[in-house]
Amino acid sequence: MSDDAERRDEPARLKAQLQRVIRGKEAVINLMLTALLAEGHVLIEDVPGTGKTTLAKALALSLAARFSRIQFTPDLLPTDILGGMIYSAANGSFTFRPGPVHANIVLADEINRASPRTQSALLEAMGEHQVTTEGETRRLPRPFWVVATQNPIEHNGTYPLPEAQLDRFCMKLTLGYPAYADEMQMLRDQERTHPLESLQPVLSPERLVEMQEDVRGIEVEESVLDYLVRLVTRTRSEPRLRLGASPRGALDLRRCAQALAYIEGRAAVRPSDIQRLAVPVLAHRLIVDLKARHGGLTGESVVTEALQQEPVPA
């Protein structure tokens, strides 16, 4: 196989490896890889035990990347995430000790269990790929990707993520329970060992950064951009919403559409890419009016309505 052919096959090989670990979730894995190549962080909201942590670990192992897990708890402090200055008695000086956020893939487990002050410690890291501690700004490594999880069932002792932090997540996903056949296969796969133990790196972190740069070169025609902006603008004029999609949401949707086209080996974005990605990229950013929410309206239904009503370019 030539070098060019091997490079074109890289997303497929990465996807195949993840499917060995997470059975029956091809659509979610596709979206995770799309967000990864688009340099967009992911929020996974699901009940315990559905494979959220396993999926993040599998990606880190497949990339030979530095992986860190932060277990968010009510007593977690910002310095526990970012790091801080440590005094050395040997030479009487202070040195900076990096926190777990200084990694390539960061799993923020049960992010809504920490206080808003601690949650906000991730804002600068997610938005600007840097952290500021003790008045000094430090760049984070590339690639840098945050996968956060939260449990939608338990509310005691949790703090809902503020709108500013939700907007920094490129996508919000749900894994869900596996189908019968997939769960049977999962039980067979883990009878003696865990599939994570057999994973080998498919990509280097450096190659992933190159792929992320290549994604930016995927063409987006003017008519497709117009369709994207019309969808986003419609959410801002929706009277049942307190808050529509932000400009960051439009940028994330464009970049994710480019990443999806790249994964599928295309040189240009199609309107169908926008349609496939609009709900996971935009819905979690929308704040539904209280009365409409009690009536059953959700961000997902608002985006779906917009997709049905806006004319699709030829």
C-alpha atoms as a PDB file:
ATOM      1  CA  MET A   1       0.000   0.000   0.000  1.00  0.00           C
ATOM      2  CA  SER A   2       1.359   3.441  -0.982  1.00  0.00           C
ATOM      3  CA  ASP A   3       1.890   6.167   1.605  1.00  0.00           C
ATOM      4  CA  ASP A   4      -1.026   8.198   0.187  1.00  0.00           C
ATOM      5  CA  ALA A   5      -3.374   5.216   0.265  1.00  0.00           C
ATOM      6  CA  GLU A   6      -2.274   4.347   3.788  1.00  0.00           C
ATOM      7  CA  ARG A   7      -2.953   7.901   4.953  1.00  0.00           C
ATOM      8  CA  ARG A   8      -6.403   7.904   3.372  1.00  0.00           C
ATOM      9  CA  ASP A   9      -7.123   4.707   5.274  1.00  0.00           C
ATOM     10  CA  GLU A  10      -6.092   6.086   8.687  1.00  0.00           C
ATOM     11  CA  PRO A  11      -9.558   7.258   9.846  1.00  0.00           C
ATOM     12  CA  ALA A  12     -11.041   3.869   8.915  1.00  0.00           C
ATOM     13  CA  ARG A  13      -8.338   1.981  10.830  1.00  0.00           C
ATOM     14  CA  LEU A  14      -8.843   4.176  13.889  1.00  0.00           C
ATOM     15  CA  LYS A  15     -12.602   3.666  13.711  1.00  0.00           C
ATOM     16  CA  ALA A  16     -12.230  -0.115  13.340  1.00  0.00           C
ATOM     17  CA  GLN A  17     -10.021  -0.266  16.419  1.00  0.00           C
ATOM     18  CA  LEU A  18     -12.534   1.677  18.533  1.00  0.00           C
ATOM     19  CA  GLN A  19     -15.347  -0.602  17.369  1.00  0.00           C
ATOM     20  CA  ARG A  20     -13.469  -3.561  18.834  1.00  0.00           C
ATOM     21  CA  VAL A  21     -13.833  -1.930  22.252  1.00  0.00           C
ATOM     22  CA  ILE A  22     -17.241  -0.224  22.009  1.00  0.00           C
ATOM     23  CA  ARG A  23     -19.613  -2.608  20.255  1.00  0.00           C
ATOM     24  CA  GLY A  24     -22.571  -1.460  18.159  1.00  0.00           C
ATOM     25  CA  LYS A  25     -21.973   2.303  18.449  1.00  0.00           C
ATOM     26  CA  GLU A  26     -20.706   3.139  14.966  1.00  0.00           C
ATOM     27  CA  ALA A  27     -22.669   6.415  14.737  1.00  0.00           C
ATOM     28  CA  VAL A  28     -21.309   7.709  18.071  1.00  0.00           C
ATOM     29  CA  ILE A  29     -17.746   6.658  17.194  1.00  0.00           C
ATOM     30  CA  ASN A  30     -18.056   8.502  13.871  1.00  0.00           C
ATOM     31  CA  LEU A  31     -19.144  11.644  15.706  1.00  0.00           C
ATOM     32  CA  MET A  32     -16.312  11.304  18.244  1.00  0.00           C
ATOM     33  CA  LEU A  33     -13.730  11.019  15.464  1.00  0.00           C
ATOM     34  CA  THR A  34     -15.344  13.946  13.654  1.00  0.00           C
ATOM     35  CA  ALA A  35     -15.040  16.118  16.773  1.00  0.00           C
ATOM     36  CA  LEU A  36     -11.452  14.954  17.337  1.00  0.00           C
ATOM     37  CA  LEU A  37     -10.377  15.911  13.813  1.00  0.00           C
ATOM     38  CA  ALA A  38     -12.295  19.194  14.120  1.00  0.00           C
ATOM     39  CA  GLU A  39     -10.387  19.962  17.362  1.00  0.00           C
ATOM     40  CA  GLY A  40     -13.696  20.182  19.210  1.00  0.00           C
ATOM     41  CA  HIS A  41     -14.309  18.992  22.768  1.00  0.00           C
ATOM     42  CA  VAL A  42     -17.088  16.489  23.534  1.00  0.00           C
ATOM     43  CA  LEU A  43     -19.621  16.211  26.358  1.00  0.00           C
ATOM     44  CA  ILE A  44     -21.085  12.719  26.838  1.00  0.00           C
ATOM     45  CA  GLU A  45     -24.240  12.620  28.932  1.00  0.00           C
ATOM     46  CA  ASP A  46     -25.317   9.114  29.859  1.00  0.00           C
ATOM     47  CA  VAL A  47     -26.038   6.769  32.736  1.00  0.00           C
ATOM     48  CA  PRO A  48     -23.107   4.981  34.448  1.00  0.00           C
ATOM     49  CA  GLY A  49     -21.552   1.909  32.858  1.00  0.00           C
ATOM     50  CA  THR A  50     -22.274   2.595  29.186  1.00  0.00           C
ATOM     51  CA  GLY A  51     -18.615   2.924  28.135  1.00  0.00           C
ATOM     52  CA  LYS A  52     -17.904   6.663  28.322  1.00  0.00           C
ATOM     53  CA  THR A  53     -14.560   6.271  30.101  1.00  0.00           C
ATOM     54  CA  THR A  54     -13.611   3.230  28.041  1.00  0.00           C
ATOM     55  CA  LEU A  55     -14.131   5.107  24.781  1.00  0.00           C
ATOM     56  CA  ALA A  56     -11.879   7.979  25.899  1.00  0.00           C
ATOM     57  CA  LYS A  57      -9.170   5.536  27.029  1.00  0.00           C
ATOM     58  CA  ALA A  58      -9.403   3.599  23.755  1.00  0.00           C
ATOM     59  CA  LEU A  59      -8.823   6.777  21.772  1.00  0.00           C
ATOM     60  CA  ALA A  60      -5.808   7.707  23.888  1.00  0.00           C
ATOM     61  CA  LEU A  61      -4.288   4.239  23.451  1.00  0.00           C
ATOM     62  CA  SER A  62      -4.951   4.329  19.707  1.00  0.00           C
ATOM     63  CA  LEU A  63      -3.035   7.595  19.429  1.00  0.00           C
ATOM     64  CA  ALA A  64      -0.160   6.804  21.781  1.00  0.00           C
ATOM     65  CA  ALA A  65      -1.214  10.042  23.438  1.00  0.00           C
ATOM     66  CA  ARG A  66      -0.839  11.321  26.980  1.00  0.00           C
ATOM     67  CA  PHE A  67      -4.095  10.565  28.758  1.00  0.00           C
ATOM     68  CA  SER A  68      -5.266  11.916  32.084  1.00  0.00           C
ATOM     69  CA  ARG A  69      -8.475  11.420  34.010  1.00  0.00           C
ATOM     70  CA  ILE A  70      -9.861  14.028  36.395  1.00  0.00           C
ATOM     71  CA  GLN A  71     -12.541  12.759  38.764  1.00  0.00           C
ATOM     72  CA  PHE A  72     -14.670  15.813  39.488  1.00  0.00           C
ATOM     73  CA  THR A  73     -15.885  16.000  43.092  1.00  0.00           C
ATOM     74  CA  PRO A  74     -17.317  18.842  45.222  1.00  0.00           C
ATOM     75  CA  ASP A  75     -13.970  19.387  46.992  1.00  0.00           C
ATOM     76  CA  LEU A  76     -11.891  19.580  43.795  1.00  0.00           C
ATOM     77  CA  LEU A  77      -9.979  22.862  43.462  1.00  0.00           C
ATOM     78  CA  PRO A  78      -8.848  24.707  40.301  1.00  0.00           C
ATOM     79  CA  THR A  79      -5.194  24.028  41.191  1.00  0.00           C
ATOM     80  CA  ASP A  80      -5.983  20.296  41.248  1.00  0.00           C
ATOM     81  CA  ILE A  81      -6.720  20.641  37.529  1.00  0.00           C
ATOM     82  CA  LEU A  82      -4.324  23.315  36.318  1.00  0.00           C
ATOM     83  CA  GLY A  83      -1.352  22.675  38.603  1.00  0.00           C
ATOM     84  CA  GLY A  84       0.495  25.132  40.836  1.00  0.00           C
ATOM     85  CA  MET A  85       3.744  26.260  42.363  1.00  0.00           C
ATOM     86  CA  ILE A  86       5.465  23.783  44.683  1.00  0.00           C
ATOM     87  CA  TYR A  87       8.081  24.827  47.231  1.00  0.00           C
ATOM     88  CA  SER A  88      11.349  22.908  47.197  1.00  0.00           C
ATOM     89  CA  ALA A  89      13.060  22.811  50.595  1.00  0.00           C
ATOM     90  CA  ALA A  90      16.277  21.612  48.964  1.00  0.00           C
ATOM     91  CA  ASN A  91      16.999  24.903  47.158  1.00  0.00           C
ATOM     92  CA  GLY A  92      14.382  27.192  48.705  1.00  0.00           C
ATOM     93  CA  SER A  93      12.658  27.914  45.384  1.00  0.00           C
ATOM     94  CA  PHE A  94       9.225  27.387  43.844  1.00  0.00           C
ATOM     95  CA  THR A  95       8.716  25.290  40.739  1.00  0.00           C
ATOM     96  CA  PHE A  96       5.585  24.753  38.670  1.00  0.00           C
ATOM     97  CA  ARG A  97       4.019  21.297  38.848  1.00  0.00           C
ATOM     98  CA  PRO A  98       1.644  20.741  35.904  1.00  0.00           C
ATOM     99  CA  GLY A  99      -1.854  19.525  36.673  1.00  0.00           C
ATOM    100  CA  PRO A 100      -3.670  16.726  34.819  1.00  0.00           C
ATOM    101  CA  VAL A 101      -5.004  19.174  32.214  1.00  0.00           C
ATOM    102  CA  HIS A 102      -1.490  19.192  30.678  1.00  0.00           C
ATOM    103  CA  ALA A 103      -2.167  16.116  28.531  1.00  0.00           C
ATOM    104  CA  ASN A 104      -3.319  15.297  24.997  1.00  0.00           C
ATOM    105  CA  ILE A 105      -6.623  13.685  25.958  1.00  0.00           C
ATOM    106  CA  VAL A 106      -8.277  14.757  29.209  1.00  0.00           C
ATOM    107  CA  LEU A 107     -11.261  12.879  30.610  1.00  0.00           C
ATOM    108  CA  ALA A 108     -13.298  15.159  32.881  1.00  0.00           C
ATOM    109  CA  ASP A 109     -15.379  12.521  34.635  1.00  0.00           C
ATOM    110  CA  GLU A 110     -18.717  13.641  36.125  1.00  0.00           C
ATOM    111  CA  ILE A 111     -17.851  17.254  35.425  1.00  0.00           C
ATOM    112  CA  ASN A 112     -21.095  18.553  36.932  1.00  0.00           C
ATOM    113  CA  ARG A 113     -20.129  17.327  40.434  1.00  0.00           C
ATOM    114  CA  ALA A 114     -17.515  20.052  40.935  1.00  0.00           C
ATOM    115  CA  SER A 115     -18.300  23.598  41.991  1.00  0.00           C
ATOM    116  CA  PRO A 116     -18.799  26.277  39.299  1.00  0.00           C
ATOM    117  CA  ARG A 117     -15.447  27.821  40.312  1.00  0.00           C
ATOM    118  CA  THR A 118     -13.655  24.560  39.555  1.00  0.00           C
ATOM    119  CA  GLN A 119     -15.642  23.940  36.364  1.00  0.00           C
ATOM    120  CA  SER A 120     -14.634  27.372  35.105  1.00  0.00           C
ATOM    121  CA  ALA A 121     -10.951  26.423  35.473  1.00  0.00           C
ATOM    122  CA  LEU A 122     -11.374  24.481  32.236  1.00  0.00           C
ATOM    123  CA  LEU A 123     -12.820  27.411  30.260  1.00  0.00           C
ATOM    124  CA  GLU A 124      -9.509  28.958  29.208  1.00  0.00           C
ATOM    125  CA  ALA A 125      -7.979  25.539  28.524  1.00  0.00           C
ATOM    126  CA  MET A 126     -10.857  24.472  26.271  1.00  0.00           C
ATOM    127  CA  GLY A 127     -11.237  27.778  24.486  1.00  0.00           C
ATOM    128  CA  GLU A 128      -7.642  28.877  24.002  1.00  0.00           C
ATOM    129  CA  HIS A 129      -5.528  25.739  24.622  1.00  0.00           C
ATOM    130  CA  GLN A 130      -3.651  27.470  27.414  1.00  0.00           C
ATOM    131  CA  VAL A 131      -3.861  27.927  31.180  1.00  0.00           C
ATOM    132  CA  THR A 132      -2.907  30.858  33.385  1.00  0.00           C
ATOM    133  CA  THR A 133      -1.598  30.149  36.875  1.00  0.00           C
ATOM    134  CA  GLU A 134       0.274  32.446  39.234  1.00  0.00           C
ATOM    135  CA  GLY A 135       0.046  35.184  36.586  1.00  0.00           C
ATOM    136  CA  GLU A 136       1.900  33.119  33.972  1.00  0.00           C
ATOM    137  CA  THR A 137       0.311  31.689  30.822  1.00  0.00           C
ATOM    138  CA  ARG A 138       1.372  28.216  29.690  1.00  0.00           C
ATOM    139  CA  ARG A 139       0.464  26.574  26.396  1.00  0.00           C
ATOM    140  CA  LEU A 140      -1.105  23.130  26.418  1.00  0.00           C
ATOM    141  CA  PRO A 141       0.245  20.339  24.205  1.00  0.00           C
ATOM    142  CA  ARG A 142      -1.116  19.568  20.758  1.00  0.00           C
ATOM    143  CA  PRO A 143      -3.314  17.743  20.204  1.00  0.00           C
ATOM    144  CA  PHE A 144      -5.432  18.810  23.172  1.00  0.00           C
ATOM    145  CA  TRP A 145      -8.890  17.302  23.546  1.00  0.00           C
ATOM    146  CA  VAL A 146     -11.339  17.239  26.451  1.00  0.00           C
ATOM    147  CA  VAL A 147     -13.977  14.525  26.815  1.00  0.00           C
ATOM    148  CA  ALA A 148     -16.331  15.322  29.694  1.00  0.00           C
ATOM    149  CA  THR A 149     -19.043  13.073  31.119  1.00  0.00           C
ATOM    150  CA  GLN A 150     -22.079  13.672  33.250  1.00  0.00           C
ATOM    151  CA  ASN A 151     -24.925  11.562  34.601  1.00  0.00           C
ATOM    152  CA  PRO A 152     -28.383  12.867  33.562  1.00  0.00           C
ATOM    153  CA  ILE A 153     -30.190  10.932  36.321  1.00  0.00           C
ATOM    154  CA  GLU A 154     -28.576  12.096  39.574  1.00  0.00           C
ATOM    155  CA  HIS A 155     -29.048  15.743  40.529  1.00  0.00           C
ATOM    156  CA  ASN A 156     -28.165  15.791  44.240  1.00  0.00           C
ATOM    157  CA  GLY A 157     -24.764  17.368  44.760  1.00  0.00           C
ATOM    158  CA  THR A 158     -24.408  18.452  41.134  1.00  0.00           C
ATOM    159  CA  TYR A 159     -23.963  21.863  39.513  1.00  0.00           C
ATOM    160  CA  PRO A 160     -25.425  22.351  36.020  1.00  0.00           C
ATOM    161  CA  LEU A 161     -22.829  23.508  33.515  1.00  0.00           C
ATOM    162  CA  PRO A 162     -23.211  27.236  32.737  1.00  0.00           C
ATOM    163  CA  GLU A 163     -24.052  28.354  29.216  1.00  0.00           C
ATOM    164  CA  ALA A 164     -20.501  29.631  28.624  1.00  0.00           C
ATOM    165  CA  GLN A 165     -19.036  26.197  29.331  1.00  0.00           C
ATOM    166  CA  LEU A 166     -21.664  24.276  27.361  1.00  0.00           C
ATOM    167  CA  ASP A 167     -20.848  26.481  24.380  1.00  0.00           C
ATOM    168  CA  ARG A 168     -17.209  25.366  24.522  1.00  0.00           C
ATOM    169  CA  PHE A 169     -18.212  21.766  23.891  1.00  0.00           C
ATOM    170  CA  CYS A 170     -18.298  21.131  20.173  1.00  0.00           C
ATOM    171  CA  MET A 171     -20.734  18.223  20.551  1.00  0.00           C
ATOM    172  CA  LYS A 172     -22.984  16.643  23.133  1.00  0.00           C
ATOM    173  CA  LEU A 173     -23.431  12.882  22.651  1.00  0.00           C
ATOM    174  CA  THR A 174     -25.176   9.917  24.226  1.00  0.00           C
ATOM    175  CA  LEU A 175     -23.933   6.327  24.018  1.00  0.00           C
ATOM    176  CA  GLY A 176     -27.019   4.501  25.236  1.00  0.00           C
ATOM    177  CA  TYR A 177     -27.361   0.833  26.106  1.00  0.00           C
ATOM    178  CA  PRO A 178     -26.046  -1.750  23.622  1.00  0.00           C
ATOM    179  CA  ALA A 179     -28.361  -3.907  21.556  1.00  0.00           C
ATOM    180  CA  TYR A 180     -28.830  -7.553  22.589  1.00  0.00           C
ATOM    181  CA  ALA A 181     -26.356  -8.990  20.043  1.00  0.00           C
ATOM    182  CA  ASP A 182     -23.738  -6.330  20.859  1.00  0.00           C
ATOM    183  CA  GLU A 183     -24.034  -6.931  24.592  1.00  0.00           C
ATOM    184  CA  MET A 184     -23.648 -10.673  24.064  1.00  0.00           C
ATOM    185  CA  GLN A 185     -20.492 -10.057  22.037  1.00  0.00           C
ATOM    186  CA  MET A 186     -19.202  -7.659  24.707  1.00  0.00           C
ATOM    187  CA  LEU A 187     -19.568 -10.367  27.333  1.00  0.00           C
ATOM    188  CA  ARG A 188     -17.638 -12.812  25.154  1.00  0.00           C
ATOM    189  CA  ASP A 189     -14.907 -10.238  24.428  1.00  0.00           C
ATOM    190  CA  GLN A 190     -14.325  -9.575  28.123  1.00  0.00           C
ATOM    191  CA  GLU A 191     -14.536 -13.145  29.389  1.00  0.00           C
ATOM    192  CA  ARG A 192     -10.818 -13.312  30.206  1.00  0.00           C
ATOM    193  CA  THR A 193      -9.276  -9.972  29.221  1.00  0.00           C
ATOM    194  CA  HIS A 194     -10.409  -6.470  28.322  1.00  0.00           C
ATOM    195  CA  PRO A 195     -10.115  -5.368  24.660  1.00  0.00           C
ATOM    196  CA  LEU A 196      -8.243  -2.260  25.843  1.00  0.00           C
ATOM    197  CA  GLU A 197      -5.289  -4.496  26.761  1.00  0.00           C
ATOM    198  CA  SER A 198      -4.738  -5.493  23.130  1.00  0.00           C
ATOM    199  CA  LEU A 199      -4.977  -2.026  21.550  1.00  0.00           C
ATOM    200  CA  GLN A 200      -1.954  -0.769  19.651  1.00  0.00           C
ATOM    201  CA  PRO A 201      -1.331   2.815  18.496  1.00  0.00           C
ATOM    202  CA  VAL A 202      -2.749   3.513  15.038  1.00  0.00           C
ATOM    203  CA  LEU A 203      -1.692   7.161  14.820  1.00  0.00           C
ATOM    204  CA  SER A 204       0.944   9.305  16.451  1.00  0.00           C
ATOM    205  CA  PRO A 205      -0.130  12.563  18.112  1.00  0.00           C
ATOM    206  CA  GLU A 206       1.977  14.398  15.537  1.00  0.00           C
ATOM    207  CA  ARG A 207       0.130  12.727  12.664  1.00  0.00           C
ATOM    208  CA  LEU A 208      -3.213  13.614  14.266  1.00  0.00           C
ATOM    209  CA  VAL A 209      -2.193  17.282  14.312  1.00  0.00           C
ATOM    210  CA  GLU A 210      -1.344  17.008  10.593  1.00  0.00           C
ATOM    211  CA  MET A 211      -4.776  15.524   9.904  1.00  0.00           C
ATOM    212  CA  GLN A 212      -6.443  18.330  11.863  1.00  0.00           C
ATOM    213  CA  GLU A 213      -4.591  20.822   9.668  1.00  0.00           C
ATOM    214  CA  ASP A 214      -5.658  18.937   6.512  1.00  0.00           C
ATOM    215  CA  VAL A 215      -9.311  19.165   7.624  1.00  0.00           C
ATOM    216  CA  ARG A 216      -9.095  22.961   7.372  1.00  0.00           C
ATOM    217  CA  GLY A 217      -8.384  22.603   3.657  1.00  0.00           C
ATOM    218  CA  ILE A 218     -11.658  20.820   2.868  1.00  0.00           C
ATOM    219  CA  GLU A 219     -13.760  23.067   0.606  1.00  0.00           C
ATOM    220  CA  VAL A 220     -17.063  24.564   1.781  1.00  0.00           C
ATOM    221  CA  GLU A 221     -19.047  26.097  -1.080  1.00  0.00           C
ATOM    222  CA  GLU A 222     -20.817  29.430  -0.605  1.00  0.00           C
ATOM    223  CA  SER A 223     -24.263  27.818  -0.921  1.00  0.00           C
ATOM    224  CA  VAL A 224     -23.430  25.350   1.860  1.00  0.00           C
ATOM    225  CA  LEU A 225     -22.128  28.150   4.091  1.00  0.00           C
ATOM    226  CA  ASP A 226     -25.340  30.078   3.410  1.00  0.00           C
ATOM    227  CA  TYR A 227     -27.402  27.018   4.426  1.00  0.00           C
ATOM    228  CA  LEU A 228     -25.387  26.653   7.636  1.00  0.00           C
ATOM    229  CA  VAL A 229     -25.815  30.312   8.601  1.00  0.00           C
ATOM    230  CA  ARG A 230     -29.559  30.221   7.848  1.00  0.00           C
ATOM    231  CA  LEU A 231     -29.959  27.274  10.227  1.00  0.00           C
ATOM    232  CA  VAL A 232     -28.017  28.994  13.000  1.00  0.00           C
ATOM    233  CA  THR A 233     -29.826  32.315  12.492  1.00  0.00           C
ATOM    234  CA  ARG A 234     -33.231  30.626  12.706  1.00  0.00           C
ATOM    235  CA  THR A 235     -32.466  29.452  16.255  1.00  0.00           C
ATOM    236  CA  ARG A 236     -31.747  33.062  17.294  1.00  0.00           C
ATOM    237  CA  SER A 237     -35.157  34.272  16.140  1.00  0.00           C
ATOM    238  CA  GLU A 238     -37.049  31.328  17.684  1.00  0.00           C
ATOM    239  CA  PRO A 239     -39.462  32.858  20.268  1.00  0.00           C
ATOM    240  CA  ARG A 240     -39.525  29.669  22.355  1.00  0.00           C
ATOM    241  CA  LEU A 241     -35.799  29.972  23.076  1.00  0.00           C
ATOM    242  CA  ARG A 242     -34.077  32.197  25.614  1.00  0.00           C
ATOM    243  CA  LEU A 243     -30.772  31.727  23.802  1.00  0.00           C
ATOM    244  CA  GLY A 244     -30.008  30.606  20.259  1.00  0.00           C
ATOM    245  CA  ALA A 245     -26.844  29.135  18.757  1.00  0.00           C
ATOM    246  CA  SER A 246     -23.686  31.227  19.106  1.00  0.00           C
ATOM    247  CA  PRO A 247     -21.154  32.206  16.414  1.00  0.00           C
ATOM    248  CA  ARG A 248     -18.868  29.595  18.030  1.00  0.00           C
ATOM    249  CA  GLY A 249     -21.581  27.045  17.253  1.00  0.00           C
ATOM    250  CA  ALA A 250     -21.543  28.056  13.585  1.00  0.00           C
ATOM    251  CA  LEU A 251     -17.751  27.761  13.471  1.00  0.00           C
ATOM    252  CA  ASP A 252     -17.871  24.333  15.122  1.00  0.00           C
ATOM    253  CA  LEU A 253     -20.544  23.131  12.690  1.00  0.00           C
ATOM    254  CA  ARG A 254     -18.465  24.248   9.703  1.00  0.00           C
ATOM    255  CA  ARG A 255     -15.283  22.602  11.044  1.00  0.00           C
ATOM    256  CA  CYS A 256     -17.112  19.362  11.924  1.00  0.00           C
ATOM    257  CA  ALA A 257     -18.643  19.199   8.452  1.00  0.00           C
ATOM    258  CA  GLN A 258     -15.136  19.545   7.000  1.00  0.00           C
ATOM    259  CA  ALA A 259     -13.899  16.771   9.314  1.00  0.00           C
ATOM    260  CA  LEU A 260     -16.757  14.457   8.308  1.00  0.00           C
ATOM    261  CA  ALA A 261     -16.000  15.007   4.620  1.00  0.00           C
ATOM    262  CA  TYR A 262     -12.311  14.286   5.334  1.00  0.00           C
ATOM    263  CA  ILE A 263     -13.160  11.033   7.133  1.00  0.00           C
ATOM    264  CA  GLU A 264     -15.276   9.929   4.166  1.00  0.00           C
ATOM    265  CA  GLY A 265     -12.534  10.800   1.682  1.00  0.00           C
ATOM    266  CA  ARG A 266     -14.243  13.797   0.059  1.00  0.00           C
ATOM    267  CA  ALA A 267     -12.696  17.118  -0.945  1.00  0.00           C
ATOM    268  CA  ALA A 268     -15.790  19.216  -0.247  1.00  0.00           C
ATOM    269  CA  VAL A 269     -18.621  19.503   2.271  1.00  0.00           C
ATOM    270  CA  ARG A 270     -22.151  18.528   1.262  1.00  0.00           C
ATOM    271  CA  PRO A 271     -25.429  19.906   2.670  1.00  0.00           C
ATOM    272  CA  SER A 272     -26.083  16.400   4.035  1.00  0.00           C
ATOM    273  CA  ASP A 273     -23.012  16.790   6.270  1.00  0.00           C
ATOM    274  CA  ILE A 274     -24.596  19.869   7.851  1.00  0.00           C
ATOM    275  CA  GLN A 275     -27.850  17.956   8.332  1.00  0.00           C
ATOM    276  CA  ARG A 276     -26.115  14.989   9.998  1.00  0.00           C
ATOM    277  CA  LEU A 277     -24.185  17.189  12.415  1.00  0.00           C
ATOM    278  CA  ALA A 278     -26.602  20.005  13.250  1.00  0.00           C
ATOM    279  CA  VAL A 279     -28.276  18.319  16.237  1.00  0.00           C
ATOM    280  CA  PRO A 280     -25.142  17.071  18.093  1.00  0.00           C
ATOM    281  CA  VAL A 281     -23.292  20.356  17.422  1.00  0.00           C
ATOM    282  CA  LEU A 282     -26.035  22.935  18.032  1.00  0.00           C
ATOM    283  CA  ALA A 283     -28.792  21.490  20.248  1.00  0.00           C
ATOM    284  CA  HIS A 284     -26.957  21.620  23.596  1.00  0.00           C
ATOM    285  CA  ARG A 285     -26.204  25.327  23.114  1.00  0.00           C
ATOM    286  CA  LEU A 286     -29.880  26.303  22.936  1.00  0.00           C
ATOM    287  CA  ILE A 287     -31.632  27.457  26.112  1.00  0.00           C
ATOM    288  CA  VAL A 288     -35.339  26.645  25.915  1.00  0.00           C
ATOM    289  CA  ASP A 289     -37.850  28.974  27.556  1.00  0.00           C
ATOM    290  CA  LEU A 290     -39.175  27.552  30.833  1.00  0.00           C
ATOM    291  CA  LYS A 291     -42.800  27.383  29.664  1.00  0.00           C
ATOM    292  CA  ALA A 292     -41.833  25.711  26.376  1.00  0.00           C
ATOM    293  CA  ARG A 293     -39.584  23.257  28.217  1.00  0.00           C
ATOM    294  CA  HIS A 294     -42.486  22.188  30.419  1.00  0.00           C
ATOM    295  CA  GLY A 295     -44.416  21.642  27.200  1.00  0.00           C
ATOM    296  CA  GLY A 296     -41.804  19.127  26.042  1.00  0.00           C
ATOM    297  CA  LEU A 297     -39.730  21.329  23.747  1.00  0.00           C
ATOM    298  CA  THR A 298     -36.002  20.503  23.586  1.00  0.00           C
ATOM    299  CA  GLY A 299     -33.011  21.920  21.796  1.00  0.00           C
ATOM    300  CA  GLU A 300     -32.965  18.792  19.623  1.00  0.00           C
ATOM    301  CA  SER A 301     -36.543  19.363  18.448  1.00  0.00           C
ATOM    302  CA  VAL A 302     -35.839  23.034  17.638  1.00  0.00           C
ATOM    303  CA  VAL A 303     -32.837  22.109  15.466  1.00  0.00           C
ATOM    304  CA  THR A 304     -34.834  19.308  13.795  1.00  0.00           C
ATOM    305  CA  GLU A 305     -37.623  21.764  12.961  1.00  0.00           C
ATOM    306  CA  ALA A 306     -35.101  24.180  11.463  1.00  0.00           C
ATOM    307  CA  LEU A 307     -33.666  21.387   9.307  1.00  0.00           C
ATOM    308  CA  GLN A 308     -37.161  20.564   8.036  1.00  0.00           C
ATOM    309  CA  GLN A 309     -38.066  24.187   7.252  1.00  0.00           C
ATOM    310  CA  GLU A 310     -34.894  25.642   5.720  1.00  0.00           C
ATOM    311  CA  PRO A 311     -34.491  25.060   1.953  1.00  0.00           C
ATOM    312  CA  VAL A 312     -31.566  22.768   1.172  1.00  0.00           C
ATOM    313  CA  PRO A 313     -29.157  23.937  -1.548  1.00  0.00           C
ATOM    314  CA  ALA A 314     -28.939  21.759  -4.620  1.00  0.00           C
END
